[in-house]
Each structure stands twice: as structure tokens, then as C-alpha cells.
């Protein structure tokens, strides 16, 4: 990895040079490598492609402190912060306001972001066999913990189910994204979305750590846990192949009336947008049946703003029950780890 070779059973950190900023300070990418004593898959776990998405950074920090990696088969490659320039400026975007997750596969002689994408892809990503990339919602728009997978990525779909999130969503590929680039290279990849930018949600962090360990067991990298999950627990994941945004019908004060993970049906009032001067209010109605996987927490909205993100399902009430049942068993299935 980078310019360093690791022997079986060894672990360490490689600092890969990326470039420099306006103050002449070098930019590096810290890559943690844990090599198992026996051969197996090489799993990449990455975070902070967007610099304000902190949840994945904390998940990796806690993951690396976990005991039990002496029984690891294969390699774990963890990158807590991919986009260091954006991370340092507390921003989603690069200094030139470009989105790193639209610049893959990058170019060796391109912009700072393009060079960063090229280095990350070729020196870190491509030597790996599987990938888990972690993200969060935007500022003021938290996400229910969920895993996204590309249509047609069959092994990625199995990884998504093994992660055991409340919801798995099949989402289309976006040009220039890391997931699209990995799909084009036939590398299984899933994306974990939870919480919102700039904030740490303890439950989202816990589910992220547990999910990664569960995927590692599925891949044969770690021994199966001796504590069995409750019967039928894997079935508690809701699978959706379509999502829909409910948008503000006009600008004003936004007041939601349903919560995260709740079921909705066509025509159901999800909330209202009120005239700030008290003269009128307009209901926001769902056009689909499903469960809420994202809600805007902004008190004011403009016409057309996305305020509810819905995972479409045939039986929304059953899906809500599955999500609530899965949450009841989080403590039962969670693995202990140091420092929680």
C-alpha cells in the first residue's frame, strides 16, 4: 500500500502525499492497513469523501480500536479522511468548490481534486477486492441509517444485507462517483448513509461499526460471532428499489408531522408549509407508499425544497414494523468494543 509493504499479521499507517495548499502545507492521506495472518479478501472502508461528513470518520476511529483483529483473514484497509482539504475547511467541497465524488477516476495532471481522486483510486482502492464507503446527509437533512447499492451489483447486494441496516436502497449510479467507478471495474461496493453533516449520532455510529464487522464476518474475514442474532433478524432489513422526494409546495415555515422510519401512504399529510405571517398554510402530501428515510430539519423552506425522502415499498406499515423491530434488537446483536 503506497510505498510500504506489510507482512502477514502486521498493521500500520501509510501517509500518501496528495499535493499542497496555498500556505505551502503538504496534503496527505492517512491509510491504515491491517494484514491478517491468513489470506482472504481485502476490504476498503473509507470516509469523508465530503469533508463535512464526520460520522464515517468516527466509525473508522472506533473500528480501528476494536479487539479481535488478531484473527483477521485477509486485509482491512481503512481511510478515515479521504478529502483532507475539505475536512480541514469544514466543507463538503474542495477548495475550488468541486465535489470530489464527481471527479473519479481523476487524472494524474488535473486539478487538486482530480489528482486526489486519481491517487486514491489507483494507490488505495484498486488493490482492494471489496469496498464500504461512508456518508451522511447534508446539513439539516439527517438520514435514517441505510445502505445503498448499485443495481446489478449482486455481491454488493449480499454485503448490504449482511450489514443489517434498517433499509437497503438500490440507487442509480452517478457519473464520476466512486461507486460508479468501482461498478465499472466489477468491484463490489456498498455505501452507508446515516445522520447529517457536522454531527455525530451515537446510534448511527454504533450501527456503522456493527455493520462493518457483520460484513467482515460475511466475507469470512472474521470468525462468526458466538452470540446468534434473534431468529429472522436478517429479514428486518427493508429493501427498496425506488425512492421519492416530497417537496415544499411553496416557501414558508416548515412543520413536519411524521418522523424518521414512519410509514406513509399516497395522499397522507406529511407536514405543512405555513405563511410566516399567519395567513395560510399548505399541506405537504405523499405521492407514494413507503417509509421516511430522510427529513429536512430546516425551519424555513423555499418552494421546491426536498423535505421528506421516502423509500418506496409495497407494504409501508409492515416496513415500519420491520424497522422498529430491528431497532429493538440493536443492543442484542451489537458487538462490544473499546471506548464506547
Foldseek 3Di string as FASTA:
>chain_A
DAPDDDDAQDKDWDWAWQQADPVRDTDTWIKIKGHHNAAFFEEEEEEALFQQFQLSLVLVVQLVQFPDLNLFHHMYIYTSHLQVQRVVVNGRAHPVRDRLQQQPPADCPDDSSSSSNVCCCPVPNVVGQAYEYEGEAEVQKGFQWEKEFEPPLVVLVVLRLLLLGLEYEHDHDDHSGPRVVCVVVSGRYMYIYGTYTNDHDVVSSQSSNQSVVSSCCVRVRGPDDPQDAPPPSSVLYHYFHDKDFFWAQAWAFWDADDDALAWFAFQDFGTWGAHPVHPDIGTTTDHATFGWGIAGRDRIDGGGHGGTMGRHDPDHVVSSVSSVVSVVCSVVSGDDGPDD
